[in-house]
């Protein structure tokens, strides 16, 4: 497979996974901001959404106050924000068109339908019909459904070859980054200094985070007790049975990189780096992570995950 085609497939999956993540962050933030003030509502939730999306600098370069309307506009429709949902879907379709013959009919139709639906929403806005809360909720659900459709059709219809492996790599590298960021933002940004860990605000925030990554039910299946920060972190970092956990992402990354290495007849820096990260995750315990500092652990992980992306690009995509 040509490196350009591999790059298109890799970033196609990353952009759709990023759009899904942003939709989930906005949905969770709306839940938190709707809480009564007695439970911590109407605080710094929208600033935390920007932190989670990595868009603080870009947002505050043009807008001073982070309220719901301005943050939703920035994260969803702003053409100047390279990671807005609008740009993610647009870039995903551009990449999909470049490798149309490597995709199955179901995958292409899902991506193209999402792009057409996005244009319908943009057309309504251009005619002076801004999204109300109900319409915004429908739009966010549509974005999440688009990602689910792409994920499902990839698994069910793609031949297990280079195209599949590069697509899966993009998805899991992006998913690992997103899970790490939402954990870090919750632990260090969302909870005000005046609130205690384990209080009512802390409980509602962790619950919202679990719902954002579709892990609320899974949490209770695994732990069978109330929401505790260290158990949420354990679920999203170390539990391999949780599809969005860092460990699960890296198990899949290693598996797909090994498939590429076997297909190409040689291993490289990306395989070594991914195995090293999976080994470190396998040797960690949540107690030691909290002792060294969750923020420090997550910061190091995000940096190492970015290095893996660079290693994959150097080895296969350039």
Protein backbone atom coordinates (compact mmCIF):
# COMPACT_ATOMS: atom_id res chain seq x y z
CA UNK A 1 0.00 0.00 0.00
CA UNK A 2 1.24 3.49 -0.86
CA UNK A 3 2.19 5.63 2.14
CA UNK A 4 -0.23 8.34 1.00
CA UNK A 5 -3.15 5.89 1.03
CA UNK A 6 -2.08 4.58 4.44
CA UNK A 7 -1.97 8.17 5.73
CA UNK A 8 -5.49 8.86 4.40
CA UNK A 9 -6.90 5.78 6.12
CA UNK A 10 -5.09 6.49 9.37
CA UNK A 11 -6.34 10.08 9.57
CA UNK A 12 -9.82 9.24 8.34
CA UNK A 13 -10.27 7.08 11.44
CA UNK A 14 -8.63 9.64 13.73
CA UNK A 15 -10.89 12.47 12.55
CA UNK A 16 -14.10 10.46 13.01
CA UNK A 17 -13.00 9.30 16.47
CA UNK A 18 -12.16 12.91 17.39
CA UNK A 19 -15.58 14.14 16.23
CA UNK A 20 -17.23 11.44 18.36
CA UNK A 21 -15.14 12.46 21.37
CA UNK A 22 -16.03 16.14 21.01
CA UNK A 23 -19.73 15.31 20.78
CA UNK A 24 -19.42 13.28 23.99
CA UNK A 25 -17.53 16.08 25.78
CA UNK A 26 -20.19 18.63 24.84
CA UNK A 27 -22.98 16.30 25.92
CA UNK A 28 -21.31 15.66 29.29
CA UNK A 29 -20.63 19.37 29.81
CA UNK A 30 -24.26 20.23 29.16
CA UNK A 31 -25.27 17.72 31.84
CA UNK A 32 -22.88 19.30 34.34
CA UNK A 33 -23.83 22.90 33.56
CA UNK A 34 -27.53 22.02 33.99
CA UNK A 35 -26.97 20.92 37.60
CA UNK A 36 -28.42 23.20 40.30
CA UNK A 37 -25.85 25.52 41.86
CA UNK A 38 -26.12 23.54 45.10
CA UNK A 39 -24.55 20.62 43.23
CA UNK A 40 -21.95 22.68 41.45
CA UNK A 41 -23.73 23.74 38.29
CA UNK A 42 -22.93 26.90 36.32
CA UNK A 43 -19.25 26.81 37.21
CA UNK A 44 -16.17 26.32 35.02
CA UNK A 45 -17.59 23.42 33.03
CA UNK A 46 -17.26 25.05 29.61
CA UNK A 47 -13.68 26.09 30.28
CA UNK A 48 -12.98 22.47 31.17
CA UNK A 49 -14.56 21.35 27.90
CA UNK A 50 -12.05 23.53 26.05
CA UNK A 51 -9.22 22.06 28.12
CA UNK A 52 -10.37 18.54 27.30
CA UNK A 53 -10.53 19.36 23.58
CA UNK A 54 -7.10 21.03 23.64
CA UNK A 55 -8.61 24.25 22.33
CA UNK A 56 -8.06 26.79 25.12
CA UNK A 57 -5.47 28.91 23.31
CA UNK A 58 -7.33 28.96 20.02
CA UNK A 59 -10.60 29.85 21.69
CA UNK A 60 -9.26 32.66 23.89
CA UNK A 61 -7.35 34.15 20.98
CA UNK A 62 -10.70 35.36 19.62
CA UNK A 63 -13.20 35.03 22.53
CA UNK A 64 -12.75 36.09 26.13
CA UNK A 65 -15.56 34.34 28.03
CA UNK A 66 -16.15 30.61 27.83
CA UNK A 67 -19.93 30.19 28.00
CA UNK A 68 -22.10 27.50 26.46
CA UNK A 69 -22.98 29.30 23.23
CA UNK A 70 -19.42 30.38 22.38
CA UNK A 71 -17.78 27.07 23.30
CA UNK A 72 -20.34 24.98 21.40
CA UNK A 73 -19.88 27.19 18.36
CA UNK A 74 -16.09 26.84 18.60
CA UNK A 75 -16.06 23.07 19.12
CA UNK A 76 -18.83 22.23 16.67
CA UNK A 77 -18.94 24.63 13.72
CA UNK A 78 -15.95 27.01 13.81
CA UNK A 79 -14.08 26.63 10.51
CA UNK A 80 -11.04 28.34 12.07
CA UNK A 81 -10.77 25.60 14.71
CA UNK A 82 -8.92 22.72 12.99
CA UNK A 83 -10.40 20.20 15.44
CA UNK A 84 -14.04 21.33 15.33
CA UNK A 85 -16.61 18.63 14.60
CA UNK A 86 -17.38 20.36 11.32
CA UNK A 87 -13.74 20.21 10.21
CA UNK A 88 -13.27 16.64 11.48
CA UNK A 89 -16.18 15.34 9.38
CA UNK A 90 -15.12 17.41 6.38
CA UNK A 91 -11.52 16.17 6.57
CA UNK A 92 -12.68 12.60 7.16
CA UNK A 93 -14.68 12.69 3.93
CA UNK A 94 -11.76 14.26 2.04
CA UNK A 95 -9.51 11.43 3.21
CA UNK A 96 -12.21 8.86 2.41
CA UNK A 97 -12.57 10.15 -1.15
CA UNK A 98 -8.83 9.81 -1.67
CA UNK A 99 -8.99 6.10 -0.77
CA UNK A 100 -12.51 5.34 -1.98
CA UNK A 101 -11.48 1.99 -3.51
CA UNK A 102 -9.96 0.84 -0.20
CA UNK A 103 -13.27 1.32 1.64
CA UNK A 104 -16.32 -0.89 1.54
CA UNK A 105 -19.60 0.49 0.24
CA UNK A 106 -21.04 0.61 3.78
CA UNK A 107 -18.10 2.65 5.08
CA UNK A 108 -18.21 5.17 2.24
CA UNK A 109 -21.99 5.61 2.44
CA UNK A 110 -21.78 6.20 6.19
CA UNK A 111 -19.12 8.89 5.83
CA UNK A 112 -20.76 10.55 2.84
CA UNK A 113 -24.17 10.57 4.54
CA UNK A 114 -22.60 12.21 7.59
CA UNK A 115 -21.07 14.91 5.41
CA UNK A 116 -24.40 15.57 3.67
CA UNK A 117 -26.18 15.78 7.02
CA UNK A 118 -23.53 18.23 8.25
CA UNK A 119 -24.18 20.41 5.20
CA UNK A 120 -27.88 20.34 6.01
CA UNK A 121 -27.19 21.64 9.51
CA UNK A 122 -24.83 24.30 8.14
CA UNK A 123 -27.45 25.34 5.57
CA UNK A 124 -30.05 25.81 8.28
CA UNK A 125 -27.63 27.96 10.26
CA UNK A 126 -26.82 30.04 7.17
CA UNK A 127 -30.55 30.73 6.75
CA UNK A 128 -30.62 32.18 10.26
CA UNK A 129 -31.93 29.10 12.06
CA UNK A 130 -29.51 28.49 14.96
CA UNK A 131 -29.61 25.16 16.73
CA UNK A 132 -31.79 25.09 19.82
CA UNK A 133 -31.03 22.63 22.62
CA UNK A 134 -33.20 19.91 21.12
CA UNK A 135 -31.69 20.27 17.66
CA UNK A 136 -28.16 20.42 19.09
CA UNK A 137 -28.85 17.21 21.01
CA UNK A 138 -29.99 15.56 17.80
CA UNK A 139 -26.88 16.77 16.01
CA UNK A 140 -24.55 15.40 18.71
CA UNK A 141 -26.40 12.07 18.62
CA UNK A 142 -25.96 12.02 14.84
CA UNK A 143 -22.20 12.57 15.21
CA UNK A 144 -21.88 9.72 17.71
CA UNK A 145 -24.00 7.48 15.47
CA UNK A 146 -21.73 8.29 12.51
CA UNK A 147 -18.68 7.12 14.46
CA UNK A 148 -20.49 3.96 15.59
CA UNK A 149 -21.52 3.23 12.00
CA UNK A 150 -17.97 3.64 10.74
CA UNK A 151 -16.55 1.51 13.54
CA UNK A 152 -19.12 -1.23 13.05
CA UNK A 153 -18.94 -1.32 9.26
CA UNK A 154 -15.13 -1.41 9.42
CA UNK A 155 -15.20 -4.43 11.70
CA UNK A 156 -17.92 -6.23 9.79
CA UNK A 157 -17.03 -5.54 6.16
CA UNK A 158 -13.30 -4.78 5.74
CA UNK A 159 -10.79 -7.33 4.55
CA UNK A 160 -8.08 -7.84 7.18
CA UNK A 161 -5.22 -6.23 5.30
CA UNK A 162 -3.14 -3.04 5.35
CA UNK A 163 -6.19 -0.81 4.86
CA UNK A 164 -7.94 -2.28 7.89
CA UNK A 165 -4.84 -2.18 10.10
CA UNK A 166 -4.02 1.47 9.34
CA UNK A 167 -7.64 2.47 9.92
CA UNK A 168 -7.71 0.69 13.29
CA UNK A 169 -4.38 2.21 14.31
CA UNK A 170 -5.73 5.71 13.73
CA UNK A 171 -8.83 4.96 15.78
CA UNK A 172 -6.99 3.54 18.80
CA UNK A 173 -4.20 6.14 18.89
CA UNK A 174 -6.85 8.88 18.88
CA UNK A 175 -9.05 7.08 21.42
CA UNK A 176 -6.16 6.62 23.85
CA UNK A 177 -5.33 10.33 23.64
CA UNK A 178 -8.97 11.31 24.19
CA UNK A 179 -9.47 9.03 27.21
CA UNK A 180 -6.30 10.34 28.83
CA UNK A 181 -7.30 13.96 28.28
CA UNK A 182 -10.78 13.66 29.70
CA UNK A 183 -9.38 11.94 32.81
CA UNK A 184 -6.75 14.62 33.30
CA UNK A 185 -9.16 17.51 32.83
CA UNK A 186 -11.60 16.09 35.36
CA UNK A 187 -8.96 15.55 38.01
CA UNK A 188 -7.18 18.88 37.72
CA UNK A 189 -9.52 21.42 36.15
CA UNK A 190 -13.15 20.60 36.73
CA UNK A 191 -13.24 20.32 40.54
CA UNK A 192 -12.97 23.80 42.15
CA UNK A 193 -10.39 24.28 44.89
CA UNK A 194 -13.16 24.94 47.41
CA UNK A 195 -14.75 21.53 46.82
CA UNK A 196 -13.64 18.34 48.49
CA UNK A 197 -12.90 15.11 46.67
CA UNK A 198 -15.80 12.76 47.29
CA UNK A 199 -18.35 15.58 47.69
CA UNK A 200 -21.61 15.90 45.76
CA UNK A 201 -20.00 17.94 42.98
CA UNK A 202 -17.18 15.42 42.64
CA UNK A 203 -19.71 12.58 42.40
CA UNK A 204 -21.77 14.24 39.65
CA UNK A 205 -18.67 15.18 37.67
CA UNK A 206 -17.21 11.66 37.70
CA UNK A 207 -20.62 10.27 36.76
CA UNK A 208 -20.77 12.66 33.81
CA UNK A 209 -17.30 11.57 32.70
CA UNK A 210 -18.32 7.91 32.84
CA UNK A 211 -21.41 8.66 30.79
CA UNK A 212 -19.31 10.63 28.29
CA UNK A 213 -17.23 7.55 27.51
CA UNK A 214 -20.19 5.12 27.73
CA UNK A 215 -18.73 3.50 30.84
CA UNK A 216 -21.29 4.23 33.56
CA UNK A 217 -22.97 0.83 33.39
CA UNK A 218 -19.63 -0.93 32.93
CA UNK A 219 -18.30 0.74 36.09
CA UNK A 220 -21.08 -0.73 38.22
CA UNK A 221 -20.71 -4.14 36.60
CA UNK A 222 -16.99 -4.21 37.43
CA UNK A 223 -16.91 -2.61 40.90
CA UNK A 224 -20.47 -2.95 42.25
CA UNK A 225 -20.14 0.11 44.48
CA UNK A 226 -20.52 3.89 44.47
CA UNK A 227 -18.50 6.23 42.26
CA UNK A 228 -14.93 6.58 43.55
CA UNK A 229 -12.29 8.59 41.64
CA UNK A 230 -9.54 5.97 41.92
CA UNK A 231 -11.87 3.25 40.63
CA UNK A 232 -12.95 5.41 37.67
CA UNK A 233 -9.27 5.96 36.88
CA UNK A 234 -8.60 2.24 37.27
CA UNK A 235 -11.40 1.43 34.81
CA UNK A 236 -10.26 3.95 32.19
CA UNK A 237 -6.53 3.27 32.50
CA UNK A 238 -5.85 -0.34 33.48
CA UNK A 239 -8.92 -2.49 32.82
CA UNK A 240 -8.38 -4.21 29.48
CA UNK A 241 -12.02 -5.33 29.28
CA UNK A 242 -13.09 -1.66 29.03
CA UNK A 243 -12.91 -0.77 25.28
CA UNK A 244 -11.90 2.85 25.86
CA UNK A 245 -9.27 2.20 28.52
CA UNK A 246 -5.64 3.04 27.80
CA UNK A 247 -4.66 -0.61 28.24
CA UNK A 248 -7.34 -1.84 25.83
CA UNK A 249 -6.32 0.77 23.24
CA UNK A 250 -2.69 -0.33 23.45
CA UNK A 251 -3.51 -4.01 23.26
CA UNK A 252 -5.23 -3.25 19.95
CA UNK A 253 -2.45 -0.94 18.76
CA UNK A 254 0.19 -3.61 19.42
CA UNK A 255 -1.93 -6.26 17.67
CA UNK A 256 -2.45 -4.18 14.53
CA UNK A 257 1.16 -2.99 14.40
CA UNK A 258 2.30 -6.60 14.70
CA UNK A 259 0.00 -7.50 11.80
CA UNK A 260 1.59 -4.74 9.72
CA UNK A 261 5.07 -5.85 10.74
CA UNK A 262 4.34 -9.43 9.75
CA UNK A 263 2.80 -8.34 6.44
CA UNK A 264 5.79 -6.11 5.60
CA UNK A 265 8.33 -8.66 6.80
CA UNK A 266 9.99 -6.46 9.40
CA UNK A 267 9.40 -4.68 12.70
CA UNK A 268 10.33 -1.09 13.46
CA UNK A 269 10.33 1.73 15.96
CA UNK A 270 6.54 1.94 16.20
CA UNK A 271 6.22 -1.72 17.21
CA UNK A 272 8.93 -1.38 19.86
CA UNK A 273 7.47 1.82 21.28
CA UNK A 274 3.92 0.42 21.44
CA UNK A 275 5.06 -2.78 23.16
CA UNK A 276 7.03 -0.74 25.67
CA UNK A 277 3.97 1.37 26.53
CA UNK A 278 1.74 -1.69 26.85
CA UNK A 279 4.32 -3.33 29.12
CA UNK A 280 4.44 -0.28 31.38
CA UNK A 281 0.65 -0.18 31.59
CA UNK A 282 0.60 -3.88 32.45
CA UNK A 283 3.01 -3.32 35.33
CA UNK A 284 1.12 -0.36 36.81
CA UNK A 285 -1.27 -0.40 39.75
CA UNK A 286 -3.77 2.35 40.39
CA UNK A 287 -2.32 2.92 43.89
CA UNK A 288 1.12 3.65 42.46
CA UNK A 289 -0.35 5.93 39.77
CA UNK A 290 -2.08 8.07 42.41
CA UNK A 291 1.07 8.09 44.56
CA UNK A 292 3.18 9.47 41.73
CA UNK A 293 0.35 11.78 40.69
CA UNK A 294 -2.44 11.10 38.19
CA UNK A 295 -1.72 14.34 36.34
CA UNK A 296 1.97 13.48 35.97
CA UNK A 297 1.12 9.95 34.78
CA UNK A 298 -1.41 11.21 32.22
CA UNK A 299 0.90 13.97 30.97
CA UNK A 300 3.67 11.43 30.39
CA UNK A 301 1.22 9.07 28.66
CA UNK A 302 -0.09 11.77 26.29
CA UNK A 303 3.50 12.63 25.36
CA UNK A 304 4.40 8.99 24.75
CA UNK A 305 1.21 8.47 22.73
CA UNK A 306 2.14 11.43 20.54
CA UNK A 307 5.61 9.91 20.06
CA UNK A 308 3.95 6.70 18.90
CA UNK A 309 1.95 8.69 16.34
CA UNK A 310 5.20 10.22 15.10
CA UNK A 311 6.86 6.80 14.95
CA UNK A 312 3.97 5.37 12.92
CA UNK A 313 4.14 8.34 10.54
CA UNK A 314 7.91 8.00 10.11
CA UNK A 315 7.77 4.25 9.57
CA UNK A 316 4.69 3.97 7.34
CA UNK A 317 3.03 7.24 6.38
CA UNK A 318 5.79 9.34 4.80
